[in-house]
């Protein structure tokens, strides 16, 4: 179940069709890119540290802002895999 305070960061998706396991990379990406502190706290309580790190290490092309990806790479102590202008917003 995705809480109401996380839903605004997944605005372009049908929440009823999202699956926490199947769509974890999408959910992690959107919350880390756009989410509030409350949504981010939920994310870290819902997914493993490795799940979150893997979404940053192997970012979906065109889905991340450069600043967000760099920030979360530093916070998580990982090097994002796609650091070039063609793949980042």
C-alpha atoms as a PDB file:
ATOM      1  CA  UNK A   1       0.000   0.000   0.000  1.00  0.00           C
ATOM      2  CA  UNK A   2       1.387   3.348  -1.045  1.00  0.00           C
ATOM      3  CA  UNK A   3       0.521   6.052   1.488  1.00  0.00           C
ATOM      4  CA  UNK A   4      -1.352   9.167   0.398  1.00  0.00           C
ATOM      5  CA  UNK A   5       1.665  11.394   1.131  1.00  0.00           C
ATOM      6  CA  UNK A   6       3.786   9.400  -1.376  1.00  0.00           C
ATOM      7  CA  UNK A   7       1.195   9.408  -4.170  1.00  0.00           C
ATOM      8  CA  UNK A   8       1.889  12.970  -5.401  1.00  0.00           C
ATOM      9  CA  UNK A   9       5.390  11.827  -6.388  1.00  0.00           C
ATOM     10  CA  UNK A  10       3.906   9.061  -8.522  1.00  0.00           C
ATOM     11  CA  UNK A  11       1.284  11.324 -10.075  1.00  0.00           C
ATOM     12  CA  UNK A  12       1.652   9.979 -13.618  1.00  0.00           C
ATOM     13  CA  UNK A  13       1.014   6.372 -12.587  1.00  0.00           C
ATOM     14  CA  UNK A  14      -2.148   4.506 -11.699  1.00  0.00           C
ATOM     15  CA  UNK A  15      -1.426   3.821  -8.027  1.00  0.00           C
ATOM     16  CA  UNK A  16      -3.846   0.909  -7.967  1.00  0.00           C
ATOM     17  CA  UNK A  17      -1.715  -0.817 -10.618  1.00  0.00           C
ATOM     18  CA  UNK A  18       1.669  -0.259  -8.953  1.00  0.00           C
ATOM     19  CA  UNK A  19       3.162  -3.202  -7.120  1.00  0.00           C
ATOM     20  CA  UNK A  20       5.688  -2.447  -4.353  1.00  0.00           C
ATOM     21  CA  UNK A  21       7.914  -5.317  -5.447  1.00  0.00           C
ATOM     22  CA  UNK A  22       7.553  -5.294  -9.228  1.00  0.00           C
ATOM     23  CA  UNK A  23       7.713  -1.490  -9.515  1.00  0.00           C
ATOM     24  CA  UNK A  24      10.256  -0.804  -6.787  1.00  0.00           C
ATOM     25  CA  UNK A  25      12.796   0.844  -9.108  1.00  0.00           C
ATOM     26  CA  UNK A  26      10.112   3.231 -10.439  1.00  0.00           C
ATOM     27  CA  UNK A  27       8.888   4.067  -6.931  1.00  0.00           C
ATOM     28  CA  UNK A  28      12.412   4.520  -5.549  1.00  0.00           C
ATOM     29  CA  UNK A  29      13.435   6.700  -8.488  1.00  0.00           C
ATOM     30  CA  UNK A  30      10.417   8.990  -8.242  1.00  0.00           C
ATOM     31  CA  UNK A  31      10.573   9.400  -4.481  1.00  0.00           C
ATOM     32  CA  UNK A  32      14.317  10.092  -4.418  1.00  0.00           C
ATOM     33  CA  UNK A  33      13.981  12.560  -7.292  1.00  0.00           C
ATOM     34  CA  UNK A  34      10.849  14.376  -6.171  1.00  0.00           C
ATOM     35  CA  UNK A  35       9.801  13.216  -2.733  1.00  0.00           C
ATOM     36  CA  UNK A  36       9.342  15.042   0.522  1.00  0.00           C
ATOM     37  CA  UNK A  37      11.229  14.079   3.665  1.00  0.00           C
ATOM     38  CA  UNK A  38       8.161  12.144   4.821  1.00  0.00           C
ATOM     39  CA  UNK A  39       7.994  10.196   1.549  1.00  0.00           C
ATOM     40  CA  UNK A  40      11.734   9.523   1.661  1.00  0.00           C
ATOM     41  CA  UNK A  41      11.455   8.247   5.226  1.00  0.00           C
ATOM     42  CA  UNK A  42       8.676   5.871   4.103  1.00  0.00           C
ATOM     43  CA  UNK A  43      10.855   4.722   1.194  1.00  0.00           C
ATOM     44  CA  UNK A  44      13.779   3.838   3.481  1.00  0.00           C
ATOM     45  CA  UNK A  45      11.382   1.973   5.772  1.00  0.00           C
ATOM     46  CA  UNK A  46       9.785   0.078   2.897  1.00  0.00           C
ATOM     47  CA  UNK A  47      12.763  -0.956   0.787  1.00  0.00           C
ATOM     48  CA  UNK A  48      16.121  -2.392   1.762  1.00  0.00           C
ATOM     49  CA  UNK A  49      19.209  -0.250   1.702  1.00  0.00           C
ATOM     50  CA  UNK A  50      20.482  -2.440  -1.151  1.00  0.00           C
ATOM     51  CA  UNK A  51      17.297  -1.922  -3.198  1.00  0.00           C
ATOM     52  CA  UNK A  52      17.704   1.826  -2.886  1.00  0.00           C
ATOM     53  CA  UNK A  53      21.441   1.739  -3.609  1.00  0.00           C
ATOM     54  CA  UNK A  54      20.855  -0.411  -6.693  1.00  0.00           C
ATOM     55  CA  UNK A  55      18.355   2.100  -8.095  1.00  0.00           C
ATOM     56  CA  UNK A  56      21.069   4.767  -7.809  1.00  0.00           C
ATOM     57  CA  UNK A  57      23.910   2.578  -9.077  1.00  0.00           C
ATOM     58  CA  UNK A  58      21.855   1.529 -12.113  1.00  0.00           C
ATOM     59  CA  UNK A  59      19.604   4.537 -12.788  1.00  0.00           C
ATOM     60  CA  UNK A  60      16.883   4.413 -15.408  1.00  0.00           C
ATOM     61  CA  UNK A  61      17.987   6.544 -18.383  1.00  0.00           C
ATOM     62  CA  UNK A  62      16.254   9.907 -18.587  1.00  0.00           C
ATOM     63  CA  UNK A  63      14.508   9.506 -15.251  1.00  0.00           C
ATOM     64  CA  UNK A  64      16.885  11.283 -12.876  1.00  0.00           C
ATOM     65  CA  UNK A  65      17.855  14.891 -12.416  1.00  0.00           C
ATOM     66  CA  UNK A  66      21.640  15.187 -12.333  1.00  0.00           C
ATOM     67  CA  UNK A  67      21.537  16.926  -8.947  1.00  0.00           C
ATOM     68  CA  UNK A  68      19.342  14.261  -7.352  1.00  0.00           C
ATOM     69  CA  UNK A  69      21.413  11.405  -8.701  1.00  0.00           C
ATOM     70  CA  UNK A  70      24.652  12.978  -7.521  1.00  0.00           C
ATOM     71  CA  UNK A  71      23.157  13.794  -4.112  1.00  0.00           C
ATOM     72  CA  UNK A  72      21.872  10.266  -3.493  1.00  0.00           C
ATOM     73  CA  UNK A  73      25.117   8.795  -4.758  1.00  0.00           C
ATOM     74  CA  UNK A  74      26.966  10.775  -2.092  1.00  0.00           C
ATOM     75  CA  UNK A  75      24.424   9.987   0.653  1.00  0.00           C
ATOM     76  CA  UNK A  76      24.491   6.266  -0.152  1.00  0.00           C
ATOM     77  CA  UNK A  77      28.229   6.122  -0.808  1.00  0.00           C
ATOM     78  CA  UNK A  78      27.868   4.777  -4.357  1.00  0.00           C
ATOM     79  CA  UNK A  79      28.802   5.921  -7.842  1.00  0.00           C
ATOM     80  CA  UNK A  80      25.798   6.198 -10.144  1.00  0.00           C
ATOM     81  CA  UNK A  81      26.272   4.283 -13.378  1.00  0.00           C
ATOM     82  CA  UNK A  82      24.897   6.825 -15.856  1.00  0.00           C
ATOM     83  CA  UNK A  83      26.584  10.153 -15.390  1.00  0.00           C
ATOM     84  CA  UNK A  84      26.303  11.900 -18.718  1.00  0.00           C
ATOM     85  CA  UNK A  85      24.106  14.609 -20.143  1.00  0.00           C
ATOM     86  CA  UNK A  86      22.241  12.374 -22.584  1.00  0.00           C
ATOM     87  CA  UNK A  87      20.731  10.218 -19.850  1.00  0.00           C
ATOM     88  CA  UNK A  88      20.016  12.810 -17.182  1.00  0.00           C
ATOM     89  CA  UNK A  89      17.475  15.604 -17.080  1.00  0.00           C
END
